[in-house]
PDB file of all heavy atoms in Angstrom:
ATOM      1  N   VAL A   1     -24.552  64.316  25.981  1.00  0.00           N
ATOM      2  CA  VAL A   1     -24.834  65.256  27.066  1.00  0.00           C
ATOM      3  C   VAL A   1     -23.700  65.098  28.079  1.00  0.00           C
ATOM      4  O   VAL A   1     -23.310  63.972  28.420  1.00  0.00           O
ATOM      5  CB  VAL A   1     -26.171  64.938  27.763  1.00  0.00           C
ATOM      6  CG1 VAL A   1     -26.403  65.883  28.950  1.00  0.00           C
ATOM      7  CG2 VAL A   1     -27.324  65.043  26.774  1.00  0.00           C
ATOM      8  N   SER A   2     -23.170  66.209  28.558  1.00  0.00           N
ATOM      9  CA  SER A   2     -22.134  66.129  29.589  1.00  0.00           C
ATOM     10  C   SER A   2     -22.520  67.006  30.775  1.00  0.00           C
ATOM     11  O   SER A   2     -23.256  67.987  30.635  1.00  0.00           O
ATOM     12  CB  SER A   2     -20.770  66.539  29.036  1.00  0.00           C
ATOM     13  OG  SER A   2     -20.757  67.893  28.645  1.00  0.00           O
ATOM     14  N   PHE A   3     -21.992  66.627  31.939  1.00  0.00           N
ATOM     15  CA  PHE A   3     -22.277  67.366  33.173  1.00  0.00           C
ATOM     16  C   PHE A   3     -21.247  66.952  34.204  1.00  0.00           C
ATOM     17  O   PHE A   3     -20.508  65.977  34.031  1.00  0.00           O
ATOM     18  CB  PHE A   3     -23.701  67.082  33.678  1.00  0.00           C
ATOM     19  CG  PHE A   3     -24.045  65.615  33.739  1.00  0.00           C
ATOM     20  CD1 PHE A   3     -23.803  64.868  34.885  1.00  0.00           C
ATOM     21  CD2 PHE A   3     -24.609  64.979  32.638  1.00  0.00           C
ATOM     22  CE1 PHE A   3     -24.109  63.515  34.940  1.00  0.00           C
ATOM     23  CE2 PHE A   3     -24.915  63.629  32.680  1.00  0.00           C
ATOM     24  CZ  PHE A   3     -24.671  62.898  33.825  1.00  0.00           C
ATOM     25  N   TRP A   4     -21.211  67.697  35.289  1.00  0.00           N
ATOM     26  CA  TRP A   4     -20.306  67.390  36.407  1.00  0.00           C
ATOM     27  C   TRP A   4     -21.129  67.014  37.627  1.00  0.00           C
ATOM     28  O   TRP A   4     -22.125  67.676  37.935  1.00  0.00           O
ATOM     29  CB  TRP A   4     -19.423  68.594  36.721  1.00  0.00           C
ATOM     30  CG  TRP A   4     -18.395  68.861  35.661  1.00  0.00           C
ATOM     31  CD1 TRP A   4     -18.592  69.478  34.451  1.00  0.00           C
ATOM     32  CD2 TRP A   4     -17.011  68.508  35.692  1.00  0.00           C
ATOM     33  NE1 TRP A   4     -17.424  69.532  33.734  1.00  0.00           N
ATOM     34  CE2 TRP A   4     -16.433  68.948  34.479  1.00  0.00           C
ATOM     35  CE3 TRP A   4     -16.201  67.880  36.636  1.00  0.00           C
ATOM     36  CZ2 TRP A   4     -15.079  68.766  34.177  1.00  0.00           C
ATOM     37  CZ3 TRP A   4     -14.859  67.696  36.350  1.00  0.00           C
ATOM     38  CH2 TRP A   4     -14.307  68.135  35.135  1.00  0.00           C
ATOM     39  N   LEU A   5     -20.714  65.937  38.300  1.00  0.00           N
ATOM     40  CA  LEU A   5     -21.401  65.459  39.505  1.00  0.00           C
ATOM     41  C   LEU A   5     -20.448  65.514  40.695  1.00  0.00           C
ATOM     42  O   LEU A   5     -19.261  65.208  40.570  1.00  0.00           O
ATOM     43  CB  LEU A   5     -21.868  64.019  39.334  1.00  0.00           C
ATOM     44  CG  LEU A   5     -23.167  63.736  38.570  1.00  0.00           C
ATOM     45  CD1 LEU A   5     -23.432  62.238  38.567  1.00  0.00           C
ATOM     46  CD2 LEU A   5     -24.332  64.479  39.168  1.00  0.00           C
ATOM     47  N   HIS A   6     -21.014  65.865  41.839  1.00  0.00           N
ATOM     48  CA  HIS A   6     -20.273  65.908  43.111  1.00  0.00           C
ATOM     49  C   HIS A   6     -21.071  65.064  44.098  1.00  0.00           C
ATOM     50  O   HIS A   6     -22.281  65.243  44.261  1.00  0.00           O
ATOM     51  CB  HIS A   6     -20.175  67.362  43.579  1.00  0.00           C
ATOM     52  CG  HIS A   6     -19.380  67.597  44.824  1.00  0.00           C
ATOM     53  ND1 HIS A   6     -19.788  67.183  46.072  1.00  0.00           N
ATOM     54  CD2 HIS A   6     -18.199  68.247  45.010  1.00  0.00           C
ATOM     55  CE1 HIS A   6     -18.894  67.559  46.965  1.00  0.00           C
ATOM     56  NE2 HIS A   6     -17.914  68.205  46.355  1.00  0.00           N
ATOM     57  N   GLY A   7     -20.404  64.126  44.761  1.00  0.00           N
ATOM     58  CA  GLY A   7     -21.107  63.188  45.624  1.00  0.00           C
ATOM     59  C   GLY A   7     -21.517  63.712  46.977  1.00  0.00           C
ATOM     60  O   GLY A   7     -22.020  62.937  47.807  1.00  0.00           O
ATOM     61  N   GLY A   8     -21.341  65.023  47.239  1.00  0.00           N
ATOM     62  CA  GLY A   8     -21.662  65.547  48.561  1.00  0.00           C
ATOM     63  C   GLY A   8     -20.717  64.987  49.611  1.00  0.00           C
ATOM     64  O   GLY A   8     -19.628  64.508  49.300  1.00  0.00           O
ATOM     65  N   THR A   9     -21.127  65.016  50.827  1.00  0.00           N
ATOM     66  CA  THR A   9     -20.258  64.540  51.916  1.00  0.00           C
ATOM     67  C   THR A   9     -20.233  63.025  52.033  1.00  0.00           C
ATOM     68  O   THR A   9     -19.359  62.459  52.696  1.00  0.00           O
ATOM     69  CB  THR A   9     -20.715  65.137  53.258  1.00  0.00           C
ATOM     70  OG1 THR A   9     -22.081  64.768  53.491  1.00  0.00           O
ATOM     71  CG2 THR A   9     -20.593  66.655  53.244  1.00  0.00           C
ATOM     72  N   VAL A  10     -21.188  62.349  51.374  1.00  0.00           N
ATOM     73  CA  VAL A  10     -21.289  60.892  51.503  1.00  0.00           C
ATOM     74  C   VAL A  10     -20.808  60.182  50.238  1.00  0.00           C
ATOM     75  O   VAL A  10     -19.965  59.287  50.280  1.00  0.00           O
ATOM     76  CB  VAL A  10     -22.739  60.474  51.834  1.00  0.00           C
ATOM     77  CG1 VAL A  10     -22.858  58.948  51.900  1.00  0.00           C
ATOM     78  CG2 VAL A  10     -23.188  61.103  53.144  1.00  0.00           C
ATOM     79  N   GLY A  11     -21.332  60.568  49.079  1.00  0.00           N
ATOM     80  CA  GLY A  11     -20.984  59.916  47.821  1.00  0.00           C
ATOM     81  C   GLY A  11     -21.647  58.558  47.689  1.00  0.00           C
ATOM     82  O   GLY A  11     -22.408  58.110  48.551  1.00  0.00           O
ATOM     83  N   GLY A  12     -21.350  57.883  46.576  1.00  0.00           N
ATOM     84  CA  GLY A  12     -21.841  56.520  46.373  1.00  0.00           C
ATOM     85  C   GLY A  12     -23.287  56.417  45.942  1.00  0.00           C
ATOM     86  O   GLY A  12     -23.859  55.318  45.960  1.00  0.00           O
ATOM     87  N   GLN A  13     -23.925  57.510  45.541  1.00  0.00           N
ATOM     88  CA  GLN A  13     -25.317  57.445  45.116  1.00  0.00           C
ATOM     89  C   GLN A  13     -25.459  56.541  43.877  1.00  0.00           C
ATOM     90  O   GLN A  13     -24.603  56.537  42.990  1.00  0.00           O
ATOM     91  CB  GLN A  13     -25.838  58.853  44.778  1.00  0.00           C
ATOM     92  CG  GLN A  13     -25.947  59.782  45.971  1.00  0.00           C
ATOM     93  CD  GLN A  13     -24.648  60.502  46.300  1.00  0.00           C
ATOM     94  OE1 GLN A  13     -23.618  60.263  45.679  1.00  0.00           O
ATOM     95  NE2 GLN A  13     -24.699  61.407  47.267  1.00  0.00           N
ATOM     96  N   GLN A  14     -26.540  55.789  43.845  1.00  0.00           N
ATOM     97  CA  GLN A  14     -26.811  54.893  42.712  1.00  0.00           C
ATOM     98  C   GLN A  14     -27.738  55.610  41.737  1.00  0.00           C
ATOM     99  O   GLN A  14     -28.915  55.852  42.041  1.00  0.00           O
ATOM    100  CB  GLN A  14     -27.428  53.584  43.204  1.00  0.00           C
ATOM    101  CG  GLN A  14     -26.507  52.808  44.140  1.00  0.00           C
ATOM    102  CD  GLN A  14     -27.127  51.504  44.601  1.00  0.00           C
ATOM    103  OE1 GLN A  14     -27.515  50.664  43.796  1.00  0.00           O
ATOM    104  NE2 GLN A  14     -27.203  51.326  45.915  1.00  0.00           N
ATOM    105  N   LEU A  15     -27.199  55.922  40.567  1.00  0.00           N
ATOM    106  CA  LEU A  15     -27.908  56.769  39.615  1.00  0.00           C
ATOM    107  C   LEU A  15     -27.883  56.158  38.219  1.00  0.00           C
ATOM    108  O   LEU A  15     -26.981  55.399  37.873  1.00  0.00           O
ATOM    109  CB  LEU A  15     -27.272  58.163  39.575  1.00  0.00           C
ATOM    110  CG  LEU A  15     -27.166  58.917  40.907  1.00  0.00           C
ATOM    111  CD1 LEU A  15     -26.327  60.179  40.721  1.00  0.00           C
ATOM    112  CD2 LEU A  15     -28.548  59.257  41.453  1.00  0.00           C
ATOM    113  N   GLN A  16     -28.872  56.529  37.440  1.00  0.00           N
ATOM    114  CA  GLN A  16     -28.919  56.184  36.032  1.00  0.00           C
ATOM    115  C   GLN A  16     -29.524  57.362  35.265  1.00  0.00           C
ATOM    116  O   GLN A  16     -30.060  58.296  35.872  1.00  0.00           O
ATOM    117  CB  GLN A  16     -29.752  54.921  35.793  1.00  0.00           C
ATOM    118  CG  GLN A  16     -31.213  55.053  36.186  1.00  0.00           C
ATOM    119  CD  GLN A  16     -31.964  53.737  36.081  1.00  0.00           C
ATOM    120  OE1 GLN A  16     -31.387  52.676  35.845  1.00  0.00           O
ATOM    121  NE2 GLN A  16     -33.280  53.782  36.259  1.00  0.00           N
ATOM    122  N   MET A  17     -29.431  57.308  33.942  1.00  0.00           N
ATOM    123  CA  MET A  17     -29.907  58.421  33.131  1.00  0.00           C
ATOM    124  C   MET A  17     -30.742  57.881  31.976  1.00  0.00           C
ATOM    125  O   MET A  17     -30.430  56.828  31.403  1.00  0.00           O
ATOM    126  CB  MET A  17     -28.698  59.196  32.593  1.00  0.00           C
ATOM    127  CG  MET A  17     -29.030  60.462  31.843  1.00  0.00           C
ATOM    128  SD  MET A  17     -27.481  61.346  31.476  1.00  0.00           S
ATOM    129  CE  MET A  17     -28.125  62.708  30.522  1.00  0.00           C
ATOM    130  N   TYR A  18     -31.817  58.579  31.643  1.00  0.00           N
ATOM    131  CA  TYR A  18     -32.622  58.231  30.466  1.00  0.00           C
ATOM    132  C   TYR A  18     -33.003  59.521  29.734  1.00  0.00           C
ATOM    133  O   TYR A  18     -32.952  60.614  30.292  1.00  0.00           O
ATOM    134  CB  TYR A  18     -33.862  57.409  30.846  1.00  0.00           C
ATOM    135  CG  TYR A  18     -34.903  58.140  31.665  1.00  0.00           C
ATOM    136  CD1 TYR A  18     -35.857  58.955  31.049  1.00  0.00           C
ATOM    137  CD2 TYR A  18     -34.955  57.996  33.047  1.00  0.00           C
ATOM    138  CE1 TYR A  18     -36.817  59.626  31.805  1.00  0.00           C
ATOM    139  CE2 TYR A  18     -35.904  58.658  33.799  1.00  0.00           C
ATOM    140  CZ  TYR A  18     -36.838  59.472  33.166  1.00  0.00           C
ATOM    141  OH  TYR A  18     -37.792  60.147  33.916  1.00  0.00           O
ATOM    142  N   GLY A  19     -33.366  59.366  28.474  1.00  0.00           N
ATOM    143  CA  GLY A  19     -33.745  60.518  27.662  1.00  0.00           C
ATOM    144  C   GLY A  19     -35.229  60.528  27.354  1.00  0.00           C
ATOM    145  O   GLY A  19     -35.944  59.544  27.591  1.00  0.00           O
ATOM    146  N   THR A  20     -35.698  61.664  26.806  1.00  0.00           N
ATOM    147  CA  THR A  20     -37.101  61.782  26.410  1.00  0.00           C
ATOM    148  C   THR A  20     -37.193  62.266  24.967  1.00  0.00           C
ATOM    149  O   THR A  20     -36.415  63.117  24.525  1.00  0.00           O
ATOM    150  CB  THR A  20     -37.877  62.757  27.315  1.00  0.00           C
ATOM    151  OG1 THR A  20     -37.296  64.069  27.232  1.00  0.00           O
ATOM    152  CG2 THR A  20     -37.841  62.298  28.759  1.00  0.00           C
ATOM    153  N   LEU A  21     -38.131  61.698  24.246  1.00  0.00           N
ATOM    154  CA  LEU A  21     -38.474  62.135  22.897  1.00  0.00           C
ATOM    155  C   LEU A  21     -39.915  62.613  22.905  1.00  0.00           C
ATOM    156  O   LEU A  21     -40.804  61.900  23.373  1.00  0.00           O
ATOM    157  CB  LEU A  21     -38.312  60.994  21.888  1.00  0.00           C
ATOM    158  CG  LEU A  21     -36.883  60.460  21.674  1.00  0.00           C
ATOM    159  CD1 LEU A  21     -36.907  59.297  20.694  1.00  0.00           C
ATOM    160  CD2 LEU A  21     -35.957  61.560  21.190  1.00  0.00           C
ATOM    161  N   ASN A  22     -40.108  63.844  22.434  1.00  0.00           N
ATOM    162  CA  ASN A  22     -41.441  64.451  22.437  1.00  0.00           C
ATOM    163  C   ASN A  22     -42.095  64.320  23.815  1.00  0.00           C
ATOM    164  O   ASN A  22     -43.266  64.001  23.943  1.00  0.00           O
ATOM    165  CB  ASN A  22     -42.319  63.826  21.346  1.00  0.00           C
ATOM    166  CG  ASN A  22     -43.506  64.706  20.997  1.00  0.00           C
ATOM    167  OD1 ASN A  22     -43.513  65.909  21.254  1.00  0.00           O
ATOM    168  ND2 ASN A  22     -44.533  64.102  20.417  1.00  0.00           N
ATOM    169  N   TYR A  23     -41.282  64.525  24.859  1.00  0.00           N
ATOM    170  CA  TYR A  23     -41.698  64.556  26.259  1.00  0.00           C
ATOM    171  C   TYR A  23     -42.092  63.189  26.816  1.00  0.00           C
ATOM    172  O   TYR A  23     -42.709  63.105  27.872  1.00  0.00           O
ATOM    173  CB  TYR A  23     -42.836  65.570  26.458  1.00  0.00           C
ATOM    174  CG  TYR A  23     -42.470  66.923  25.910  1.00  0.00           C
ATOM    175  CD1 TYR A  23     -42.981  67.360  24.697  1.00  0.00           C
ATOM    176  CD2 TYR A  23     -41.555  67.742  26.574  1.00  0.00           C
ATOM    177  CE1 TYR A  23     -42.614  68.599  24.170  1.00  0.00           C
ATOM    178  CE2 TYR A  23     -41.179  68.976  26.054  1.00  0.00           C
ATOM    179  CZ  TYR A  23     -41.712  69.396  24.850  1.00  0.00           C
ATOM    180  OH  TYR A  23     -41.331  70.603  24.327  1.00  0.00           O
ATOM    181  N   SER A  24     -41.708  62.118  26.109  1.00  0.00           N
ATOM    182  CA  SER A  24     -41.976  60.763  26.599  1.00  0.00           C
ATOM    183  C   SER A  24     -40.663  60.065  26.926  1.00  0.00           C
ATOM    184  O   SER A  24     -39.719  60.093  26.124  1.00  0.00           O
ATOM    185  CB  SER A  24     -42.735  59.945  25.544  1.00  0.00           C
ATOM    186  OG  SER A  24     -44.011  60.498  25.320  1.00  0.00           O
ATOM    187  N   ALA A  25     -40.603  59.434  28.106  1.00  0.00           N
ATOM    188  CA  ALA A  25     -39.391  58.737  28.528  1.00  0.00           C
ATOM    189  C   ALA A  25     -39.109  57.553  27.617  1.00  0.00           C
ATOM    190  O   ALA A  25     -40.024  56.819  27.222  1.00  0.00           O
ATOM    191  CB  ALA A  25     -39.537  58.269  29.967  1.00  0.00           C
ATOM    192  N   GLN A  26     -37.835  57.357  27.283  1.00  0.00           N
ATOM    193  CA  GLN A  26     -37.414  56.220  26.466  1.00  0.00           C
ATOM    194  C   GLN A  26     -36.979  55.071  27.366  1.00  0.00           C
ATOM    195  O   GLN A  26     -36.584  55.259  28.514  1.00  0.00           O
ATOM    196  CB  GLN A  26     -36.282  56.645  25.541  1.00  0.00           C
ATOM    197  CG  GLN A  26     -36.666  57.773  24.604  1.00  0.00           C
ATOM    198  CD  GLN A  26     -37.870  57.427  23.746  1.00  0.00           C
ATOM    199  OE1 GLN A  26     -37.801  56.571  22.867  1.00  0.00           O
ATOM    200  NE2 GLN A  26     -38.990  58.089  24.009  1.00  0.00           N
ATOM    201  N   SER A  27     -37.053  53.866  26.815  1.00  0.00           N
ATOM    202  CA  SER A  27     -36.768  52.681  27.628  1.00  0.00           C
ATOM    203  C   SER A  27     -35.274  52.520  27.924  1.00  0.00           C
ATOM    204  O   SER A  27     -34.899  51.912  28.931  1.00  0.00           O
ATOM    205  CB  SER A  27     -37.280  51.421  26.922  1.00  0.00           C
ATOM    206  OG  SER A  27     -36.673  51.288  25.639  1.00  0.00           O
ATOM    207  N   ALA A  28     -34.412  53.060  27.055  1.00  0.00           N
ATOM    208  CA  ALA A  28     -32.970  52.917  27.270  1.00  0.00           C
ATOM    209  C   ALA A  28     -32.532  53.719  28.489  1.00  0.00           C
ATOM    210  O   ALA A  28     -32.976  54.851  28.698  1.00  0.00           O
ATOM    211  CB  ALA A  28     -32.208  53.390  26.035  1.00  0.00           C
ATOM    212  N   SER A  29     -31.679  53.134  29.302  1.00  0.00           N
ATOM    213  CA  SER A  29     -31.126  53.854  30.454  1.00  0.00           C
ATOM    214  C   SER A  29     -29.640  53.542  30.566  1.00  0.00           C
ATOM    215  O   SER A  29     -29.191  52.464  30.162  1.00  0.00           O
ATOM    216  CB  SER A  29     -31.846  53.476  31.752  1.00  0.00           C
ATOM    217  OG  SER A  29     -31.687  52.100  32.029  1.00  0.00           O
ATOM    218  N   VAL A  30     -28.904  54.492  31.087  1.00  0.00           N
ATOM    219  CA  VAL A  30     -27.450  54.358  31.197  1.00  0.00           C
ATOM    220  C   VAL A  30     -27.058  54.440  32.667  1.00  0.00           C
ATOM    221  O   VAL A  30     -27.265  55.480  33.309  1.00  0.00           O
ATOM    222  CB  VAL A  30     -26.745  55.472  30.405  1.00  0.00           C
ATOM    223  CG1 VAL A  30     -25.231  55.380  30.579  1.00  0.00           C
ATOM    224  CG2 VAL A  30     -27.112  55.408  28.928  1.00  0.00           C
ATOM    225  N   PRO A  31     -26.485  53.382  33.249  1.00  0.00           N
ATOM    226  CA  PRO A  31     -26.002  53.469  34.630  1.00  0.00           C
ATOM    227  C   PRO A  31     -24.841  54.459  34.713  1.00  0.00           C
ATOM    228  O   PRO A  31     -23.981  54.508  33.825  1.00  0.00           O
ATOM    229  CB  PRO A  31     -25.528  52.039  34.931  1.00  0.00           C
ATOM    230  CG  PRO A  31     -26.156  51.178  33.871  1.00  0.00           C
ATOM    231  CD  PRO A  31     -26.298  52.032  32.670  1.00  0.00           C
ATOM    232  N   LEU A  32     -24.826  55.241  35.767  1.00  0.00           N
ATOM    233  CA  LEU A  32     -23.758  56.211  35.983  1.00  0.00           C
ATOM    234  C   LEU A  32     -22.839  55.726  37.091  1.00  0.00           C
ATOM    235  O   LEU A  32     -23.310  55.195  38.102  1.00  0.00           O
ATOM    236  CB  LEU A  32     -24.337  57.578  36.354  1.00  0.00           C
ATOM    237  CG  LEU A  32     -25.305  58.212  35.341  1.00  0.00           C
ATOM    238  CD1 LEU A  32     -25.833  59.544  35.883  1.00  0.00           C
ATOM    239  CD2 LEU A  32     -24.632  58.417  33.991  1.00  0.00           C
ATOM    240  N   ALA A  33     -21.561  55.916  36.896  1.00  0.00           N
ATOM    241  CA  ALA A  33     -20.612  55.571  37.957  1.00  0.00           C
ATOM    242  C   ALA A  33     -20.946  56.363  39.214  1.00  0.00           C
ATOM    243  O   ALA A  33     -21.316  57.546  39.144  1.00  0.00           O
ATOM    244  CB  ALA A  33     -19.189  55.876  37.496  1.00  0.00           C
ATOM    245  N   ALA A  34     -20.861  55.718  40.363  1.00  0.00           N
ATOM    246  CA  ALA A  34     -21.243  56.364  41.615  1.00  0.00           C
ATOM    247  C   ALA A  34     -20.400  57.618  41.857  1.00  0.00           C
ATOM    248  O   ALA A  34     -19.171  57.577  41.737  1.00  0.00           O
ATOM    249  CB  ALA A  34     -21.071  55.388  42.777  1.00  0.00           C
ATOM    250  N   PRO A  35     -21.050  58.738  42.174  1.00  0.00           N
ATOM    251  CA  PRO A  35     -20.284  59.951  42.498  1.00  0.00           C
ATOM    252  C   PRO A  35     -19.383  59.725  43.708  1.00  0.00           C
ATOM    253  O   PRO A  35     -19.684  58.930  44.597  1.00  0.00           O
ATOM    254  CB  PRO A  35     -21.386  60.976  42.810  1.00  0.00           C
ATOM    255  CG  PRO A  35     -22.617  60.448  42.142  1.00  0.00           C
ATOM    256  CD  PRO A  35     -22.503  58.961  42.211  1.00  0.00           C
ATOM    257  N   VAL A  36     -18.275  60.456  43.719  1.00  0.00           N
ATOM    258  CA  VAL A  36     -17.300  60.349  44.799  1.00  0.00           C
ATOM    259  C   VAL A  36     -17.535  61.475  45.802  1.00  0.00           C
ATOM    260  O   VAL A  36     -17.828  62.611  45.422  1.00  0.00           O
ATOM    261  CB  VAL A  36     -15.867  60.426  44.245  1.00  0.00           C
ATOM    262  CG1 VAL A  36     -14.834  60.378  45.361  1.00  0.00           C
ATOM    263  CG2 VAL A  36     -15.633  59.294  43.243  1.00  0.00           C
ATOM    264  N   ALA A  37     -17.433  61.174  47.068  1.00  0.00           N
ATOM    265  CA  ALA A  37     -17.632  62.185  48.114  1.00  0.00           C
ATOM    266  C   ALA A  37     -16.649  63.337  47.946  1.00  0.00           C
ATOM    267  O   ALA A  37     -15.460  63.128  47.687  1.00  0.00           O
ATOM    268  CB  ALA A  37     -17.474  61.544  49.491  1.00  0.00           C
ATOM    269  N   ASN A  38     -17.166  64.537  48.067  1.00  0.00           N
ATOM    270  CA  ASN A  38     -16.360  65.760  48.082  1.00  0.00           C
ATOM    271  C   ASN A  38     -15.491  65.942  46.834  1.00  0.00           C
ATOM    272  O   ASN A  38     -14.425  66.563  46.885  1.00  0.00           O
ATOM    273  CB  ASN A  38     -15.463  65.798  49.334  1.00  0.00           C
ATOM    274  CG  ASN A  38     -16.273  65.711  50.612  1.00  0.00           C
ATOM    275  OD1 ASN A  38     -17.246  66.444  50.801  1.00  0.00           O
ATOM    276  ND2 ASN A  38     -15.890  64.793  51.494  1.00  0.00           N
ATOM    277  N   THR A  39     -15.952  65.398  45.705  1.00  0.00           N
ATOM    278  CA  THR A  39     -15.158  65.448  44.479  1.00  0.00           C
ATOM    279  C   THR A  39     -16.073  65.690  43.283  1.00  0.00           C
ATOM    280  O   THR A  39     -17.130  65.073  43.173  1.00  0.00           O
ATOM    281  CB  THR A  39     -14.398  64.122  44.258  1.00  0.00           C
ATOM    282  OG1 THR A  39     -13.566  63.862  45.385  1.00  0.00           O
ATOM    283  CG2 THR A  39     -13.548  64.176  43.003  1.00  0.00           C
TER     284      THR A  39
END
């Protein structure tokens, strides 16, 4: 899965991503690099 993130005027949000199978959340999660402000 790919997407573009913009950190807004502040940036640095702490985010992670997980997937769902048959509408149930999976235990695996992927930390995302902190978005950069205005980028």
